[in-house]
């Protein structure tokens, strides 16, 4: 098995912090191999940050000077988490993780004013890498437990936050059959969740199968065909109210042309 990438973050949400700005508290980079300084060899980088609410930090541009293989989108969420950010890198792979408390008062939640306090605890795990030179795999799993912690006119304490499934799993494979042809196959699963904060009706769990076809045309240009919901499953991904529920799209296909400069 080739080099793998792992991403894991644990979060415990509480009330917004009082920090006035974002700052880096400490940063460490530790080579995973003491015999080589090459970027092609594994290394571990860890940085602890503190940030105020509604402020984002682009961690990939920090004083740690991550290598070129580091992700470009390793940016803290809008709610401004404080915690420990880490990267584990190995040849042909990369990963990011963030262990942080995230303020739990969003601007909008499915049409309801967010005038209550809420808390979310959970775990995220992701894996990206190559099994062989032709076979790429990416997988992700999220475990989340979100509830309202303060009683208001909108909802009593103890109710679940709307549309936050406890389990979400996604898997995607791409296999390059020949130089001019690649195929993809994936599965997405989501457990049931409540439609709204009333907690009187639920969105049932569902599993969706998807596929793709990749055809390189010239260097840097690739045609792609995606087929979503292969089994034409009936599912309900979102809801606006308890009586206004959106249905998922039936089996469908789309064509795209990708170019890299």
Protein backbone atom coordinates (compact mmCIF):
# COMPACT_ATOMS: atom_id res chain seq x y z
CA UNK A 1 0.00 0.00 0.00
CA UNK A 2 1.38 3.39 -1.02
CA UNK A 3 1.64 6.47 1.15
CA UNK A 4 -1.60 7.36 2.90
CA UNK A 5 -2.92 10.59 4.27
CA UNK A 6 -4.90 10.80 7.49
CA UNK A 7 -7.02 13.64 8.78
CA UNK A 8 -8.58 13.60 12.19
CA UNK A 9 -10.06 16.39 14.28
CA UNK A 10 -12.06 16.39 17.48
CA UNK A 11 -14.20 19.38 18.40
CA UNK A 12 -16.11 20.50 21.46
CA UNK A 13 -18.24 23.56 20.90
CA UNK A 14 -18.95 26.11 23.60
CA UNK A 15 -19.78 29.78 23.85
CA UNK A 16 -17.71 32.27 21.81
CA UNK A 17 -14.36 33.23 23.25
CA UNK A 18 -13.32 36.72 24.24
CA UNK A 19 -10.06 36.90 22.31
CA UNK A 20 -9.77 40.13 20.36
CA UNK A 21 -7.66 38.84 17.50
CA UNK A 22 -6.07 35.76 16.05
CA UNK A 23 -2.56 34.81 17.05
CA UNK A 24 -0.18 31.88 16.81
CA UNK A 25 0.84 30.65 20.25
CA UNK A 26 3.42 28.07 19.25
CA UNK A 27 4.63 26.13 16.28
CA UNK A 28 6.73 23.01 15.90
CA UNK A 29 7.95 21.01 12.91
CA UNK A 30 9.39 17.57 13.62
CA UNK A 31 10.96 15.39 10.88
CA UNK A 32 9.52 11.90 10.94
CA UNK A 33 12.88 10.65 9.72
CA UNK A 34 16.07 11.91 11.37
CA UNK A 35 18.21 10.83 8.43
CA UNK A 36 16.76 13.06 5.74
CA UNK A 37 15.78 16.70 5.31
CA UNK A 38 14.12 16.23 1.94
CA UNK A 39 10.54 17.38 1.44
CA UNK A 40 9.81 14.00 -0.09
CA UNK A 41 10.22 12.35 3.31
CA UNK A 42 7.59 12.29 6.05
CA UNK A 43 7.39 15.09 8.58
CA UNK A 44 5.02 16.29 11.26
CA UNK A 45 4.13 19.95 11.84
CA UNK A 46 2.06 21.18 14.77
CA UNK A 47 0.80 24.70 15.45
CA UNK A 48 -1.40 26.01 18.25
CA UNK A 49 -3.55 29.02 17.40
CA UNK A 50 -6.01 31.24 19.19
CA UNK A 51 -8.61 33.12 17.22
CA UNK A 52 -11.57 35.36 17.87
CA UNK A 53 -15.08 34.72 16.63
CA UNK A 54 -15.80 35.43 12.96
CA UNK A 55 -12.15 35.60 12.00
CA UNK A 56 -10.42 33.11 9.74
CA UNK A 57 -6.77 32.09 9.79
CA UNK A 58 -5.00 30.69 6.76
CA UNK A 59 -2.81 28.16 8.51
CA UNK A 60 -0.94 27.15 5.37
CA UNK A 61 0.61 30.64 5.23
CA UNK A 62 1.80 30.66 8.81
CA UNK A 63 5.31 30.97 10.19
CA UNK A 64 5.65 27.19 10.02
CA UNK A 65 6.32 27.44 6.27
CA UNK A 66 4.55 24.26 5.23
CA UNK A 67 6.05 22.49 2.17
CA UNK A 68 4.49 22.65 -1.27
CA UNK A 69 2.60 19.45 -0.60
CA UNK A 70 0.57 21.13 2.13
CA UNK A 71 -3.09 21.89 1.41
CA UNK A 72 -3.94 25.33 0.07
CA UNK A 73 -7.29 25.48 1.79
CA UNK A 74 -6.21 24.78 5.38
CA UNK A 75 -8.16 27.74 6.72
CA UNK A 76 -9.98 27.89 10.03
CA UNK A 77 -13.76 28.10 9.87
CA UNK A 78 -15.62 31.40 9.98
CA UNK A 79 -16.58 30.83 13.57
CA UNK A 80 -12.93 31.19 14.52
CA UNK A 81 -11.77 28.02 16.29
CA UNK A 82 -8.92 27.97 18.76
CA UNK A 83 -6.89 24.83 19.08
CA UNK A 84 -4.12 22.71 17.69
CA UNK A 85 -3.64 22.42 13.95
CA UNK A 86 -1.39 19.69 12.59
CA UNK A 87 -0.13 18.31 9.31
CA UNK A 88 1.27 14.85 8.68
CA UNK A 89 2.94 14.55 5.30
CA UNK A 90 4.45 11.62 3.44
CA UNK A 91 5.55 11.06 -0.17
CA UNK A 92 2.61 11.55 -2.57
CA UNK A 93 0.21 12.36 0.23
CA UNK A 94 -0.82 15.05 2.68
CA UNK A 95 -3.21 15.67 5.56
CA UNK A 96 -4.54 18.32 7.87
CA UNK A 97 -6.30 18.26 11.19
CA UNK A 98 -7.71 20.76 13.64
CA UNK A 99 -8.49 20.12 17.29
CA UNK A 100 -10.54 23.09 18.38
CA UNK A 101 -13.58 24.40 20.25
CA UNK A 102 -15.83 26.14 17.73
CA UNK A 103 -18.26 28.88 18.86
CA UNK A 104 -21.77 27.54 18.39
CA UNK A 105 -23.88 30.51 17.38
CA UNK A 106 -24.26 30.54 13.59
CA UNK A 107 -25.72 33.46 11.70
CA UNK A 108 -28.56 31.40 10.20
CA UNK A 109 -29.90 27.90 10.70
CA UNK A 110 -32.50 26.75 8.17
CA UNK A 111 -34.56 29.93 8.36
CA UNK A 112 -34.61 30.23 12.15
CA UNK A 113 -32.85 33.08 14.00
CA UNK A 114 -29.93 31.68 15.99
CA UNK A 115 -30.87 33.28 19.32
CA UNK A 116 -30.06 30.19 21.41
CA UNK A 117 -26.85 28.53 22.44
CA UNK A 118 -25.85 25.22 20.99
CA UNK A 119 -23.03 22.74 21.44
CA UNK A 120 -21.56 20.22 19.06
CA UNK A 121 -19.13 17.44 19.85
CA UNK A 122 -17.73 15.16 17.22
CA UNK A 123 -14.97 13.44 15.36
CA UNK A 124 -13.76 13.72 11.78
CA UNK A 125 -11.52 11.25 10.01
CA UNK A 126 -10.29 11.41 6.42
CA UNK A 127 -8.00 9.30 4.28
CA UNK A 128 -6.53 10.20 0.90
CA UNK A 129 -3.90 8.28 -1.04
CA UNK A 130 -2.86 5.85 -3.75
CA UNK A 131 -3.20 2.09 -3.44
CA UNK A 132 -1.37 1.72 -6.75
CA UNK A 133 -0.08 4.22 -9.28
CA UNK A 134 -3.39 3.99 -11.15
CA UNK A 135 -5.79 3.68 -8.18
CA UNK A 136 -6.60 6.73 -6.04
CA UNK A 137 -8.85 6.51 -2.99
CA UNK A 138 -10.35 9.12 -0.68
CA UNK A 139 -12.61 8.43 2.30
CA UNK A 140 -14.12 10.53 5.07
CA UNK A 141 -16.21 9.86 8.16
CA UNK A 142 -17.89 12.32 10.53
CA UNK A 143 -19.45 11.62 13.93
CA UNK A 144 -21.39 14.54 15.38
CA UNK A 145 -23.62 15.14 18.39
CA UNK A 146 -25.19 18.62 18.34
CA UNK A 147 -27.79 19.91 20.79
CA UNK A 148 -29.31 23.16 22.03
CA UNK A 149 -28.02 24.01 25.50
CA UNK A 150 -30.09 27.04 26.48
CA UNK A 151 -33.89 27.27 26.52
CA UNK A 152 -35.44 30.16 24.58
CA UNK A 153 -38.74 30.91 22.87
CA UNK A 154 -37.37 29.18 19.76
CA UNK A 155 -36.48 25.84 21.36
CA UNK A 156 -35.96 24.24 24.77
CA UNK A 157 -32.61 22.99 25.95
CA UNK A 158 -31.82 19.40 25.03
CA UNK A 159 -33.26 19.40 21.53
CA UNK A 160 -31.09 18.29 18.65
CA UNK A 161 -29.83 20.87 16.17
CA UNK A 162 -31.67 20.59 12.87
CA UNK A 163 -30.20 18.61 9.99
CA UNK A 164 -27.05 17.47 11.75
CA UNK A 165 -26.83 13.70 11.08
CA UNK A 166 -24.86 11.75 13.64
CA UNK A 167 -23.00 9.73 11.00
CA UNK A 168 -21.77 10.79 7.55
CA UNK A 169 -19.53 8.59 5.40
CA UNK A 170 -18.12 9.18 1.92
CA UNK A 171 -15.83 7.05 -0.24
CA UNK A 172 -14.49 7.80 -3.73
CA UNK A 173 -12.26 5.74 -6.02
CA UNK A 174 -10.59 6.68 -9.28
CA UNK A 175 -8.84 4.11 -11.41
CA UNK A 176 -6.93 4.99 -14.59
CA UNK A 177 -7.58 1.96 -16.79
CA UNK A 178 -5.29 3.18 -19.56
CA UNK A 179 -3.49 6.42 -20.27
CA UNK A 180 -6.53 7.93 -21.99
CA UNK A 181 -9.30 6.56 -19.79
CA UNK A 182 -10.15 6.68 -16.10
CA UNK A 183 -13.23 5.55 -14.17
CA UNK A 184 -14.57 6.57 -10.79
CA UNK A 185 -16.99 5.08 -8.29
CA UNK A 186 -18.16 6.35 -4.93
CA UNK A 187 -20.68 5.93 -2.13
CA UNK A 188 -22.19 8.52 0.22
CA UNK A 189 -24.15 7.65 3.36
CA UNK A 190 -25.91 9.90 5.83
CA UNK A 191 -27.83 8.84 8.94
CA UNK A 192 -31.21 10.29 9.85
CA UNK A 193 -31.59 13.79 11.30
CA UNK A 194 -34.39 16.09 12.43
CA UNK A 195 -35.93 18.44 9.87
CA UNK A 196 -36.05 21.45 12.20
CA UNK A 197 -35.45 22.33 15.84
CA UNK A 198 -39.01 21.25 16.62
CA UNK A 199 -37.64 17.67 16.47
CA UNK A 200 -41.07 16.37 15.40
CA UNK A 201 -40.15 14.91 12.00
CA UNK A 202 -37.00 13.37 10.58
CA UNK A 203 -35.07 13.14 7.36
CA UNK A 204 -34.50 9.39 6.90
CA UNK A 205 -31.03 7.99 6.38
CA UNK A 206 -29.94 7.30 2.82
CA UNK A 207 -27.10 5.91 0.73
CA UNK A 208 -26.25 7.19 -2.75
CA UNK A 209 -23.98 5.60 -5.36
CA UNK A 210 -22.14 7.75 -7.93
CA UNK A 211 -19.79 7.09 -10.85
CA UNK A 212 -17.58 9.04 -13.24
CA UNK A 213 -15.63 8.72 -16.47
CA UNK A 214 -12.41 10.66 -17.15
CA UNK A 215 -10.99 11.13 -20.65
CA UNK A 216 -7.76 13.16 -21.01
CA UNK A 217 -7.80 15.06 -24.31
CA UNK A 218 -4.49 16.90 -24.39
CA UNK A 219 -1.98 17.80 -21.72
CA UNK A 220 -3.78 19.75 -19.01
CA UNK A 221 -7.27 19.25 -20.48
CA UNK A 222 -9.63 16.47 -19.40
CA UNK A 223 -13.26 15.67 -20.22
CA UNK A 224 -15.35 14.30 -17.37
CA UNK A 225 -18.79 12.67 -17.16
CA UNK A 226 -20.41 12.25 -13.74
CA UNK A 227 -23.40 10.00 -13.08
CA UNK A 228 -25.13 10.66 -9.77
CA UNK A 229 -27.51 8.34 -7.93
CA UNK A 230 -26.82 5.25 -10.02
CA UNK A 231 -29.59 3.20 -8.41
CA UNK A 232 -32.15 6.01 -8.77
CA UNK A 233 -32.74 5.87 -5.02
CA UNK A 234 -35.40 8.09 -3.48
CA UNK A 235 -33.96 10.20 -0.68
CA UNK A 236 -34.49 13.49 1.15
CA UNK A 237 -31.26 15.42 1.77
CA UNK A 238 -32.63 18.70 3.22
CA UNK A 239 -35.76 20.40 4.52
CA UNK A 240 -36.94 23.99 4.88
CA UNK A 241 -39.68 23.27 7.42
CA UNK A 242 -41.37 20.18 8.87
CA UNK A 243 -43.77 20.23 5.91
CA UNK A 244 -41.44 21.45 3.15
CA UNK A 245 -38.91 18.71 2.47
CA UNK A 246 -36.58 18.59 -0.54
CA UNK A 247 -36.20 15.40 -2.54
CA UNK A 248 -32.86 14.26 -3.89
CA UNK A 249 -32.25 14.30 -7.63
CA UNK A 250 -33.01 11.06 -9.52
CA UNK A 251 -30.30 9.41 -11.60
CA UNK A 252 -28.65 12.15 -13.64
CA UNK A 253 -25.49 12.86 -15.62
CA UNK A 254 -23.40 15.94 -16.26
CA UNK A 255 -20.49 16.71 -18.54
CA UNK A 256 -17.59 18.99 -17.71
CA UNK A 257 -14.30 20.03 -19.25
CA UNK A 258 -11.40 20.59 -16.87
CA UNK A 259 -8.29 22.58 -17.76
CA UNK A 260 -5.14 23.11 -15.72
CA UNK A 261 -2.82 26.03 -16.34
